[in-house]
Amino acid sequence: MNVTSILQAAGLFFATNVDDIIVLSLFFARGAGRRGTTTRILAGQYLGFGGILLASVVVTFGAGLFLPDSAIPYFGLIPLLLGLYAAWRTWRRGDDEDEVADKPLSVLLVAAVTFANGGDNIGVYVPVFLAVGTGAVAAFCVVFLGLVVVLVAAARFVATRKPVAAALERWEHILFPLVLILLGLVILVEGGAFGL
C-alpha cells in the first residue's frame, strides 16, 4: 500500500468516525476517576469497530445475505434503547450519583454503541472496498484499526480539558442518555427504518 492509499484510508476513517469523539468523550466523563476507564473504552471501541469492519468485509465479498442493506438502519435501536435505559436510571436515582460511582464502564456498552453508531459506515466502506480490490481491503482495515487508538486518544484529550471536563462532569448524567437517544433516532430516521 502506497502513501496515497494510506492517506485515503485515513481520510475515510476520520470522515466516517469523527462523530465518535463526542460519544467517546461522554464515556470518558462517565468513567472519570475510575481505574481502567481508558482500557475499557479502547477495548470496547476495538470490539465495536472490529464488528463494523467484519460486517463490511463480509458484505464486500458477497455474503450480503447475512446483513442486507435494509438491516443497517435498525442498528439505531441499540443506542436508542441504551439511552432510554440510561435516562430511566438517571430519573430513578435522582440526585444520587453513588449508585453508579462504583460500577466500572462496560466494554460491551462501548462496543454496542460504537457498532450502532458506525453501522452506517458499512454502507460507505463496502463500495470503497469493492473499488480498491481484495489486496487493498486488508491494508485499509490495518490502517483503520491503527487509527482507533488515535480516535480514542483524541476523545480522551477533549474530555480531559478543564472546561470540557467540568461541563461533562456536571452534565454527563443528562448528556449521556440524551446523546444516545438522539444518535439512535438519527440512525433510524436517516436510514428509513420503520418507514420513517
Protein backbone atom coordinates (compact mmCIF):
# COMPACT_ATOMS: atom_id res chain seq x y z
CA MET A 1 0.00 0.00 0.00
CA ASN A 2 1.47 3.36 -1.01
CA VAL A 3 1.33 6.69 0.84
CA THR A 4 -1.64 7.89 -1.22
CA SER A 5 -3.66 4.81 -0.29
CA ILE A 6 -2.75 5.21 3.39
CA LEU A 7 -3.89 8.84 3.27
CA GLN A 8 -7.12 7.80 1.53
CA ALA A 9 -7.77 5.17 4.20
CA ALA A 10 -7.02 7.67 6.98
CA GLY A 11 -9.28 10.29 5.40
CA LEU A 12 -12.11 7.77 5.04
CA PHE A 13 -11.67 6.64 8.65
CA PHE A 14 -11.80 10.14 10.12
CA ALA A 15 -14.65 11.26 7.85
CA THR A 16 -16.80 8.34 8.99
CA ASN A 17 -15.77 8.27 12.66
CA VAL A 18 -15.22 11.88 13.78
CA ASP A 19 -18.63 11.87 15.48
CA ASP A 20 -17.35 9.12 17.79
CA ILE A 21 -15.22 11.72 19.58
CA ILE A 22 -18.35 13.17 21.21
CA VAL A 23 -19.70 9.79 22.31
CA LEU A 24 -16.27 8.60 23.49
CA SER A 25 -15.78 11.85 25.42
CA LEU A 26 -19.02 11.13 27.26
CA PHE A 27 -17.74 7.63 28.05
CA PHE A 28 -14.57 9.20 29.47
CA ALA A 29 -16.72 11.55 31.55
CA ARG A 30 -18.80 8.64 32.78
CA GLY A 31 -15.68 6.74 33.80
CA ALA A 32 -13.74 9.73 35.15
CA GLY A 33 -11.62 8.89 38.17
CA ARG A 34 -12.17 5.16 37.80
CA ARG A 35 -9.25 2.88 37.22
CA GLY A 36 -9.16 1.12 33.83
CA THR A 37 -11.55 3.50 32.08
CA THR A 38 -9.25 4.14 29.12
CA THR A 39 -8.54 0.42 28.70
CA ARG A 40 -12.25 -0.46 28.74
CA ILE A 41 -13.11 2.30 26.29
CA LEU A 42 -10.29 1.28 23.95
CA ALA A 43 -11.28 -2.41 24.15
CA GLY A 44 -14.93 -1.56 23.53
CA GLN A 45 -14.05 0.71 20.62
CA TYR A 46 -11.94 -2.05 19.06
CA LEU A 47 -14.65 -4.63 19.60
CA GLY A 48 -17.39 -2.45 18.12
CA PHE A 49 -15.30 -1.15 15.24
CA GLY A 50 -14.00 -4.68 14.57
CA GLY A 51 -17.63 -5.72 14.14
CA ILE A 52 -18.17 -2.90 11.65
CA LEU A 53 -15.11 -3.94 9.66
CA LEU A 54 -16.07 -7.61 9.76
CA ALA A 55 -19.58 -6.83 8.51
CA SER A 56 -18.14 -4.58 5.78
CA VAL A 57 -15.72 -7.26 4.60
CA VAL A 58 -18.41 -9.97 4.69
CA VAL A 59 -20.78 -7.82 2.63
CA THR A 60 -17.97 -6.82 0.25
CA PHE A 61 -17.11 -10.41 -0.52
CA GLY A 62 -20.64 -11.43 -1.37
CA ALA A 63 -22.15 -12.59 1.87
CA GLY A 64 -24.68 -9.78 1.90
CA LEU A 65 -27.35 -12.33 2.74
CA PHE A 66 -26.20 -12.11 6.36
CA LEU A 67 -26.51 -8.33 6.53
CA PRO A 68 -28.86 -6.82 3.95
CA ASP A 69 -28.61 -3.06 3.46
CA SER A 70 -32.14 -2.70 4.80
CA ALA A 71 -30.98 -4.00 8.22
CA ILE A 72 -28.38 -1.28 8.81
CA PRO A 73 -30.80 1.50 9.91
CA TYR A 74 -32.16 -0.76 12.65
CA PHE A 75 -28.78 -0.58 14.42
CA GLY A 76 -30.18 2.73 15.67
CA LEU A 77 -32.28 0.72 18.12
CA ILE A 78 -29.11 -0.14 20.09
CA PRO A 79 -28.14 3.40 21.19
CA LEU A 80 -31.81 4.39 21.45
CA LEU A 81 -32.59 1.60 23.91
CA LEU A 82 -29.32 2.10 25.80
CA GLY A 83 -30.08 5.84 26.02
CA LEU A 84 -33.61 5.23 27.26
CA TYR A 85 -32.28 2.80 29.86
CA ALA A 86 -29.63 5.34 30.99
CA ALA A 87 -32.29 8.07 31.17
CA TRP A 88 -34.56 5.82 33.21
CA ARG A 89 -31.70 5.02 35.63
CA THR A 90 -30.88 8.73 35.95
CA TRP A 91 -34.53 9.59 36.62
CA ARG A 92 -34.91 6.70 39.07
CA ARG A 93 -31.90 7.59 41.16
CA GLY A 94 -32.44 11.38 41.00
CA ASP A 95 -29.50 13.21 42.54
CA ASP A 96 -27.95 10.03 43.99
CA GLU A 97 -24.79 9.57 41.89
CA ASP A 98 -23.33 6.99 44.32
CA GLU A 99 -25.27 4.17 42.68
CA VAL A 100 -23.05 4.18 39.58
CA ALA A 101 -19.92 5.50 41.25
CA ASP A 102 -18.54 2.04 41.97
CA LYS A 103 -19.57 0.42 38.70
CA PRO A 104 -16.87 0.38 36.02
CA LEU A 105 -17.72 1.36 32.46
CA SER A 106 -18.67 -1.72 30.45
CA VAL A 107 -16.59 -2.80 27.44
CA LEU A 108 -19.75 -4.26 25.89
CA LEU A 109 -21.65 -0.99 26.31
CA VAL A 110 -18.89 0.90 24.49
CA ALA A 111 -18.76 -1.81 21.80
CA ALA A 112 -22.53 -1.79 21.27
CA VAL A 113 -22.70 1.99 20.96
CA THR A 114 -19.65 2.03 18.67
CA PHE A 115 -21.16 -0.63 16.41
CA ALA A 116 -24.56 1.04 16.29
CA ASN A 117 -23.08 4.49 15.68
CA GLY A 118 -20.87 3.12 12.91
CA GLY A 119 -23.45 0.84 11.34
CA ASP A 120 -23.95 3.33 8.53
CA ASN A 121 -20.19 3.16 7.87
CA ILE A 122 -20.78 -0.30 6.41
CA GLY A 123 -22.66 1.34 3.54
CA VAL A 124 -19.67 3.63 2.93
CA TYR A 125 -16.93 1.05 3.33
CA VAL A 126 -18.42 -1.62 1.05
CA PRO A 127 -18.33 0.45 -2.18
CA VAL A 128 -14.82 1.65 -1.34
CA PHE A 129 -13.66 -1.91 -0.61
CA LEU A 130 -15.18 -3.08 -3.89
CA ALA A 131 -13.36 -0.30 -5.76
CA VAL A 132 -9.91 -0.82 -4.22
CA GLY A 133 -9.77 -4.58 -4.66
CA THR A 134 -9.08 -7.51 -2.38
CA GLY A 135 -5.45 -6.75 -1.52
CA ALA A 136 -6.12 -3.17 -0.54
CA VAL A 137 -9.08 -4.12 1.70
CA ALA A 138 -6.70 -5.74 4.19
CA ALA A 139 -4.46 -2.68 4.12
CA PHE A 140 -7.44 -0.35 4.68
CA CYS A 141 -8.50 -2.48 7.65
CA VAL A 142 -5.00 -2.31 9.16
CA VAL A 143 -4.95 1.49 8.80
CA PHE A 144 -8.45 1.76 10.27
CA LEU A 145 -7.55 -0.41 13.26
CA GLY A 146 -4.39 1.59 13.85
CA LEU A 147 -6.37 4.82 13.87
CA VAL A 148 -8.82 3.59 16.51
CA VAL A 149 -6.14 4.39 19.10
CA VAL A 150 -5.82 7.92 17.70
CA LEU A 151 -9.60 8.40 17.87
CA VAL A 152 -9.75 7.24 21.49
CA ALA A 153 -6.75 9.42 22.39
CA ALA A 154 -8.44 12.44 20.76
CA ALA A 155 -11.64 11.80 22.73
CA ARG A 156 -9.65 11.43 25.96
CA PHE A 157 -7.83 14.68 25.20
CA VAL A 158 -11.13 16.52 24.62
CA ALA A 159 -12.75 15.02 27.72
CA THR A 160 -9.84 15.95 29.98
CA ARG A 161 -9.58 19.66 29.07
CA LYS A 162 -10.55 21.53 32.24
CA PRO A 163 -13.56 23.46 30.88
CA VAL A 164 -14.82 20.45 28.92
CA ALA A 165 -14.18 18.07 31.83
CA ALA A 166 -16.03 20.39 34.23
CA ALA A 167 -19.02 20.65 31.89
CA LEU A 168 -19.05 16.91 31.24
CA GLU A 169 -18.79 16.14 34.95
CA ARG A 170 -21.70 18.43 35.71
CA TRP A 171 -23.97 17.41 32.81
CA GLU A 172 -22.83 13.88 31.88
CA HIS A 173 -25.80 12.21 33.59
CA ILE A 174 -28.12 14.16 31.26
CA LEU A 175 -25.92 14.37 28.15
CA PHE A 176 -25.04 10.67 28.03
CA PRO A 177 -28.61 9.34 27.66
CA LEU A 178 -29.63 12.32 25.52
CA VAL A 179 -26.79 11.79 23.02
CA LEU A 180 -27.52 8.06 22.81
CA ILE A 181 -31.24 8.64 22.27
CA LEU A 182 -30.61 11.29 19.60
CA LEU A 183 -27.98 9.11 17.94
CA GLY A 184 -30.39 6.21 17.79
CA LEU A 185 -33.17 8.37 16.38
CA VAL A 186 -30.87 9.90 13.73
CA ILE A 187 -29.71 6.44 12.61
CA LEU A 188 -33.29 5.18 12.43
CA VAL A 189 -34.69 8.23 10.62
CA GLU A 190 -31.80 8.74 8.17
CA GLY A 191 -31.86 5.05 7.30
CA GLY A 192 -35.62 4.98 6.81
CA ALA A 193 -36.23 2.32 9.47
CA PHE A 194 -39.87 1.55 10.16
CA GLY A 195 -40.80 3.63 7.11
CA LEU A 196 -39.66 6.89 8.77
